Amino acid sequence: MGKVQKYRKIVFYKNYFQDFFIKQNKKVKAKIVWTFDLVEDLERVPETYLKHLENTEGLYEIRVQFGSDIFRIFCFFDQGQLVVLANGFQKKSQKTPQKEIEMAVKIKAEYENEK
């Protein structure tokens, strides 16, 4: 078994993502982890799983669906490859809540300031 070539590496920034992750049930966690693997392993990730957020500078959302539940985890790239995870939330409506986007923008700025 050869080692699978990974196209991206997901890293967590502070506890933003973990705080969201620990609240999820086992099956949702498994689906999130599965989706992360996909994002790391596929050269071209379908928009179903990773999508640029309109009207943002370099903010993406990893999209996780489990049954009728929809989860979004914000992320951004560093040096083209690293996917740095920010906050996550469960989507309850069609539109991504503005306060979640603002939070992700803040986390991204915080990350860039600390580099």
N, C-alpha and C. Protein backbone atom coordinates (compact mmCIF):
# COMPACT_ATOMS: atom_id res chain seq x y z
N MET A 1 0.84 -1.19 0.00
CA MET A 1 0.00 0.00 0.00
C MET A 1 0.88 1.25 0.00
N GLY A 2 0.85 2.00 -1.10
CA GLY A 2 1.62 3.23 -1.16
C GLY A 2 0.91 4.32 -0.37
N LYS A 3 1.68 5.31 0.05
CA LYS A 3 1.07 6.40 0.80
C LYS A 3 0.31 7.29 -0.19
N VAL A 4 -0.88 7.64 0.19
CA VAL A 4 -1.70 8.48 -0.67
C VAL A 4 -1.13 9.89 -0.70
N GLN A 5 -1.01 10.42 -1.91
CA GLN A 5 -0.56 11.80 -2.07
C GLN A 5 -1.65 12.74 -1.55
N LYS A 6 -1.27 13.59 -0.63
CA LYS A 6 -2.26 14.57 -0.15
C LYS A 6 -2.01 15.90 -0.85
N TYR A 7 -3.07 16.52 -1.27
CA TYR A 7 -2.93 17.79 -1.98
C TYR A 7 -2.99 18.97 -1.04
N ARG A 8 -3.59 18.76 0.12
CA ARG A 8 -3.72 19.82 1.11
C ARG A 8 -3.51 19.24 2.47
N LYS A 9 -3.19 20.10 3.41
CA LYS A 9 -3.09 19.66 4.79
C LYS A 9 -4.00 20.56 5.61
N ILE A 10 -4.86 19.96 6.38
CA ILE A 10 -5.77 20.73 7.22
C ILE A 10 -5.12 20.92 8.59
N VAL A 11 -5.07 22.15 9.03
CA VAL A 11 -4.58 22.40 10.39
C VAL A 11 -5.62 23.22 11.13
N PHE A 12 -5.60 23.09 12.43
CA PHE A 12 -6.56 23.80 13.26
C PHE A 12 -5.88 25.02 13.84
N TYR A 13 -6.59 26.10 13.88
CA TYR A 13 -6.07 27.32 14.47
C TYR A 13 -6.76 27.55 15.80
N LYS A 14 -5.97 27.58 16.86
CA LYS A 14 -6.49 27.72 18.22
C LYS A 14 -7.61 26.70 18.46
N ASN A 15 -8.61 27.08 19.26
CA ASN A 15 -9.66 26.10 19.57
C ASN A 15 -10.98 26.37 18.87
N TYR A 16 -10.96 27.26 17.90
CA TYR A 16 -12.22 27.66 17.28
C TYR A 16 -12.99 26.48 16.72
N PHE A 17 -12.29 25.66 15.96
CA PHE A 17 -12.99 24.53 15.36
C PHE A 17 -13.31 23.45 16.39
N GLN A 18 -12.35 23.15 17.26
CA GLN A 18 -12.55 22.10 18.26
C GLN A 18 -13.76 22.38 19.14
N ASP A 19 -13.98 23.65 19.49
CA ASP A 19 -15.12 24.02 20.33
C ASP A 19 -16.44 23.62 19.67
N PHE A 20 -16.47 23.74 18.36
CA PHE A 20 -17.66 23.34 17.60
C PHE A 20 -17.73 21.81 17.49
N PHE A 21 -16.58 21.20 17.20
CA PHE A 21 -16.51 19.76 16.92
C PHE A 21 -16.94 18.91 18.11
N ILE A 22 -16.48 19.27 19.31
CA ILE A 22 -16.78 18.44 20.48
C ILE A 22 -18.26 18.40 20.81
N LYS A 23 -19.01 19.38 20.33
CA LYS A 23 -20.45 19.41 20.61
C LYS A 23 -21.26 18.48 19.70
N GLN A 24 -20.61 17.96 18.65
CA GLN A 24 -21.36 17.15 17.68
C GLN A 24 -21.42 15.69 18.13
N ASN A 25 -22.43 14.98 17.63
CA ASN A 25 -22.50 13.56 17.97
C ASN A 25 -21.51 12.74 17.13
N LYS A 26 -21.36 11.48 17.51
CA LYS A 26 -20.34 10.63 16.92
C LYS A 26 -20.47 10.51 15.39
N LYS A 27 -21.70 10.38 14.92
CA LYS A 27 -21.90 10.20 13.48
C LYS A 27 -21.58 11.47 12.70
N VAL A 28 -21.94 12.60 13.27
CA VAL A 28 -21.62 13.87 12.62
C VAL A 28 -20.10 14.07 12.61
N LYS A 29 -19.45 13.77 13.73
CA LYS A 29 -17.99 13.87 13.79
C LYS A 29 -17.34 13.02 12.70
N ALA A 30 -17.84 11.80 12.55
CA ALA A 30 -17.28 10.88 11.55
C ALA A 30 -17.44 11.47 10.14
N LYS A 31 -18.59 12.08 9.89
CA LYS A 31 -18.83 12.67 8.57
C LYS A 31 -17.92 13.87 8.33
N ILE A 32 -17.69 14.64 9.38
CA ILE A 32 -16.78 15.80 9.27
C ILE A 32 -15.36 15.30 8.95
N VAL A 33 -14.92 14.29 9.66
CA VAL A 33 -13.57 13.74 9.44
C VAL A 33 -13.46 13.18 8.02
N TRP A 34 -14.50 12.49 7.58
CA TRP A 34 -14.54 11.94 6.21
C TRP A 34 -14.40 13.06 5.18
N THR A 35 -15.12 14.16 5.43
CA THR A 35 -15.08 15.30 4.51
C THR A 35 -13.69 15.94 4.50
N PHE A 36 -13.07 16.04 5.69
CA PHE A 36 -11.70 16.58 5.76
C PHE A 36 -10.73 15.73 4.93
N ASP A 37 -10.86 14.42 5.04
CA ASP A 37 -9.99 13.53 4.27
C ASP A 37 -10.13 13.81 2.78
N LEU A 38 -11.36 14.00 2.37
CA LEU A 38 -11.65 14.27 0.97
C LEU A 38 -10.98 15.57 0.52
N VAL A 39 -11.09 16.59 1.36
CA VAL A 39 -10.49 17.90 1.05
C VAL A 39 -8.97 17.77 0.94
N GLU A 40 -8.38 16.94 1.79
CA GLU A 40 -6.92 16.76 1.75
C GLU A 40 -6.48 15.90 0.55
N ASP A 41 -7.30 14.92 0.21
CA ASP A 41 -6.86 13.90 -0.75
C ASP A 41 -7.18 14.20 -2.21
N LEU A 42 -8.22 14.96 -2.47
CA LEU A 42 -8.61 15.20 -3.86
C LEU A 42 -7.88 16.40 -4.43
N GLU A 43 -7.39 16.23 -5.67
CA GLU A 43 -6.71 17.36 -6.31
C GLU A 43 -7.71 18.49 -6.56
N ARG A 44 -8.87 18.11 -7.07
CA ARG A 44 -9.94 19.09 -7.29
C ARG A 44 -11.12 18.71 -6.41
N VAL A 45 -11.37 19.53 -5.42
CA VAL A 45 -12.46 19.24 -4.49
C VAL A 45 -13.76 19.81 -5.06
N PRO A 46 -14.80 18.98 -5.22
CA PRO A 46 -16.07 19.50 -5.74
C PRO A 46 -16.65 20.57 -4.81
N GLU A 47 -17.38 21.50 -5.41
CA GLU A 47 -17.98 22.59 -4.62
C GLU A 47 -18.96 22.08 -3.58
N THR A 48 -19.44 20.88 -3.78
CA THR A 48 -20.32 20.26 -2.78
C THR A 48 -19.63 20.23 -1.41
N TYR A 49 -18.30 20.13 -1.43
CA TYR A 49 -17.54 19.96 -0.19
C TYR A 49 -16.71 21.18 0.20
N LEU A 50 -16.29 21.95 -0.78
CA LEU A 50 -15.43 23.10 -0.48
C LEU A 50 -15.79 24.22 -1.44
N LYS A 51 -16.21 25.34 -0.88
CA LYS A 51 -16.69 26.42 -1.74
C LYS A 51 -16.19 27.76 -1.24
N HIS A 52 -15.77 28.59 -2.19
CA HIS A 52 -15.36 29.95 -1.83
C HIS A 52 -16.60 30.75 -1.45
N LEU A 53 -16.49 31.51 -0.38
CA LEU A 53 -17.62 32.34 0.04
C LEU A 53 -17.62 33.64 -0.75
N GLU A 54 -18.71 33.91 -1.41
CA GLU A 54 -18.82 35.13 -2.20
C GLU A 54 -18.62 36.36 -1.32
N ASN A 55 -18.06 37.39 -1.91
CA ASN A 55 -17.84 38.67 -1.24
C ASN A 55 -16.93 38.57 -0.02
N THR A 56 -16.02 37.60 -0.03
CA THR A 56 -15.01 37.54 1.04
C THR A 56 -13.65 37.42 0.38
N GLU A 57 -12.65 37.80 1.13
CA GLU A 57 -11.29 37.65 0.62
C GLU A 57 -10.71 36.34 1.10
N GLY A 58 -10.79 35.34 0.25
CA GLY A 58 -10.13 34.08 0.55
C GLY A 58 -10.75 33.24 1.64
N LEU A 59 -12.03 33.46 1.90
CA LEU A 59 -12.70 32.64 2.90
C LEU A 59 -13.47 31.54 2.19
N TYR A 60 -13.30 30.32 2.69
CA TYR A 60 -13.98 29.16 2.11
C TYR A 60 -14.82 28.49 3.17
N GLU A 61 -15.77 27.68 2.73
CA GLU A 61 -16.48 26.86 3.70
C GLU A 61 -16.38 25.41 3.28
N ILE A 62 -16.08 24.57 4.26
CA ILE A 62 -16.14 23.13 4.06
C ILE A 62 -17.57 22.75 4.39
N ARG A 63 -18.20 22.02 3.47
CA ARG A 63 -19.62 21.75 3.60
C ARG A 63 -19.83 20.29 3.97
N VAL A 64 -20.51 20.11 5.08
CA VAL A 64 -20.75 18.75 5.57
C VAL A 64 -22.25 18.56 5.70
N GLN A 65 -22.73 17.49 5.08
CA GLN A 65 -24.15 17.20 5.22
C GLN A 65 -24.29 15.82 5.85
N PHE A 66 -25.14 15.76 6.87
CA PHE A 66 -25.41 14.48 7.51
C PHE A 66 -26.92 14.36 7.66
N GLY A 67 -27.51 13.49 6.87
CA GLY A 67 -28.97 13.40 6.85
C GLY A 67 -29.51 14.74 6.41
N SER A 68 -30.44 15.30 7.18
CA SER A 68 -30.98 16.60 6.80
C SER A 68 -30.22 17.73 7.47
N ASP A 69 -29.21 17.38 8.26
CA ASP A 69 -28.43 18.41 8.94
C ASP A 69 -27.28 18.90 8.06
N ILE A 70 -27.13 20.19 8.04
CA ILE A 70 -26.07 20.78 7.23
C ILE A 70 -25.13 21.56 8.16
N PHE A 71 -23.83 21.31 7.98
CA PHE A 71 -22.83 21.99 8.80
C PHE A 71 -21.87 22.72 7.88
N ARG A 72 -21.36 23.83 8.35
CA ARG A 72 -20.37 24.59 7.60
C ARG A 72 -19.19 24.86 8.51
N ILE A 73 -18.01 24.67 7.94
CA ILE A 73 -16.79 24.96 8.69
C ILE A 73 -15.97 25.92 7.84
N PHE A 74 -15.72 27.09 8.38
CA PHE A 74 -14.98 28.08 7.61
C PHE A 74 -13.50 27.77 7.61
N CYS A 75 -12.85 28.10 6.51
CA CYS A 75 -11.41 27.86 6.42
C CYS A 75 -10.81 28.82 5.42
N PHE A 76 -9.49 28.84 5.40
CA PHE A 76 -8.77 29.66 4.42
C PHE A 76 -7.43 28.98 4.16
N PHE A 77 -6.84 29.36 3.06
CA PHE A 77 -5.58 28.73 2.67
C PHE A 77 -4.39 29.54 3.16
N ASP A 78 -3.31 28.84 3.40
CA ASP A 78 -2.06 29.49 3.74
C ASP A 78 -1.00 28.87 2.84
N GLN A 79 -0.26 29.69 2.14
CA GLN A 79 0.75 29.21 1.20
C GLN A 79 0.14 28.23 0.21
N GLY A 80 -1.09 28.49 -0.18
CA GLY A 80 -1.71 27.69 -1.22
C GLY A 80 -2.15 26.30 -0.83
N GLN A 81 -1.61 25.74 0.23
CA GLN A 81 -1.88 24.34 0.52
C GLN A 81 -2.56 24.07 1.84
N LEU A 82 -2.20 24.84 2.81
CA LEU A 82 -2.66 24.57 4.15
C LEU A 82 -4.08 25.07 4.30
N VAL A 83 -4.97 24.24 4.74
CA VAL A 83 -6.32 24.70 5.00
C VAL A 83 -6.43 24.94 6.50
N VAL A 84 -6.55 26.18 6.87
CA VAL A 84 -6.58 26.52 8.29
C VAL A 84 -8.04 26.64 8.71
N LEU A 85 -8.44 25.85 9.68
CA LEU A 85 -9.85 25.85 10.05
C LEU A 85 -10.19 26.88 11.09
N ALA A 86 -11.27 27.58 10.83
CA ALA A 86 -11.78 28.56 11.78
C ALA A 86 -13.04 27.98 12.42
N ASN A 87 -14.05 28.79 12.56
CA ASN A 87 -15.26 28.36 13.26
C ASN A 87 -16.16 27.47 12.41
N GLY A 88 -17.03 26.73 13.07
CA GLY A 88 -18.02 25.91 12.38
C GLY A 88 -19.38 26.17 12.99
N PHE A 89 -20.43 25.83 12.27
CA PHE A 89 -21.77 25.99 12.81
C PHE A 89 -22.73 25.09 12.06
N GLN A 90 -23.88 24.85 12.64
CA GLN A 90 -24.92 24.10 11.96
C GLN A 90 -25.81 25.09 11.23
N LYS A 91 -26.05 24.79 9.97
CA LYS A 91 -26.82 25.70 9.14
C LYS A 91 -28.30 25.43 9.31
N LYS A 92 -29.04 26.46 9.68
CA LYS A 92 -30.47 26.29 9.94
C LYS A 92 -31.31 26.95 8.85
N SER A 93 -30.69 27.79 8.04
CA SER A 93 -31.46 28.49 7.01
C SER A 93 -30.66 28.49 5.71
N GLN A 94 -31.28 28.98 4.66
CA GLN A 94 -30.63 29.03 3.35
C GLN A 94 -29.37 29.88 3.38
N LYS A 95 -29.46 30.98 4.08
CA LYS A 95 -28.37 31.95 4.05
C LYS A 95 -27.41 31.72 5.22
N THR A 96 -26.13 31.79 4.92
CA THR A 96 -25.13 31.69 5.98
C THR A 96 -25.23 32.94 6.85
N PRO A 97 -25.38 32.76 8.17
CA PRO A 97 -25.53 33.93 9.06
C PRO A 97 -24.32 34.86 8.97
N GLN A 98 -24.61 36.14 8.85
CA GLN A 98 -23.56 37.15 8.74
C GLN A 98 -22.61 37.12 9.93
N LYS A 99 -23.13 36.86 11.12
CA LYS A 99 -22.26 36.89 12.31
C LYS A 99 -21.24 35.75 12.25
N GLU A 100 -21.59 34.62 11.63
CA GLU A 100 -20.64 33.51 11.49
C GLU A 100 -19.53 33.90 10.51
N ILE A 101 -19.92 34.57 9.43
CA ILE A 101 -18.92 35.02 8.45
C ILE A 101 -17.99 36.05 9.09
N GLU A 102 -18.58 36.99 9.85
CA GLU A 102 -17.76 38.02 10.50
C GLU A 102 -16.76 37.39 11.48
N MET A 103 -17.22 36.37 12.18
CA MET A 103 -16.35 35.64 13.11
C MET A 103 -15.18 35.01 12.36
N ALA A 104 -15.48 34.38 11.22
CA ALA A 104 -14.43 33.73 10.42
C ALA A 104 -13.44 34.76 9.89
N VAL A 105 -13.94 35.89 9.45
CA VAL A 105 -13.08 36.96 8.94
C VAL A 105 -12.14 37.44 10.06
N LYS A 106 -12.69 37.55 11.26
CA LYS A 106 -11.91 37.98 12.42
C LYS A 106 -10.81 36.96 12.75
N ILE A 107 -11.17 35.69 12.71
CA ILE A 107 -10.20 34.63 13.00
C ILE A 107 -9.08 34.63 11.96
N LYS A 108 -9.46 34.80 10.70
CA LYS A 108 -8.46 34.83 9.63
C LYS A 108 -7.49 36.00 9.84
N ALA A 109 -8.01 37.17 10.20
CA ALA A 109 -7.17 38.34 10.44
C ALA A 109 -6.23 38.09 11.63
N GLU A 110 -6.79 37.48 12.66
CA GLU A 110 -6.02 37.15 13.86
C GLU A 110 -4.86 36.21 13.50
N TYR A 111 -5.17 35.20 12.70
CA TYR A 111 -4.17 34.22 12.26
C TYR A 111 -3.05 34.94 11.48
N GLU A 112 -3.46 35.80 10.54
CA GLU A 112 -2.46 36.47 9.69
C GLU A 112 -1.60 37.44 10.49
N ASN A 113 -2.18 38.06 11.52
CA ASN A 113 -1.42 38.98 12.35
C ASN A 113 -0.37 38.27 13.19
N GLU A 114 -0.63 37.01 13.50
CA GLU A 114 0.26 36.27 14.38
C GLU A 114 1.41 35.59 13.64
N LYS A 115 1.29 35.52 12.34
CA LYS A 115 2.31 34.81 11.57
C LYS A 115 3.66 35.51 11.62
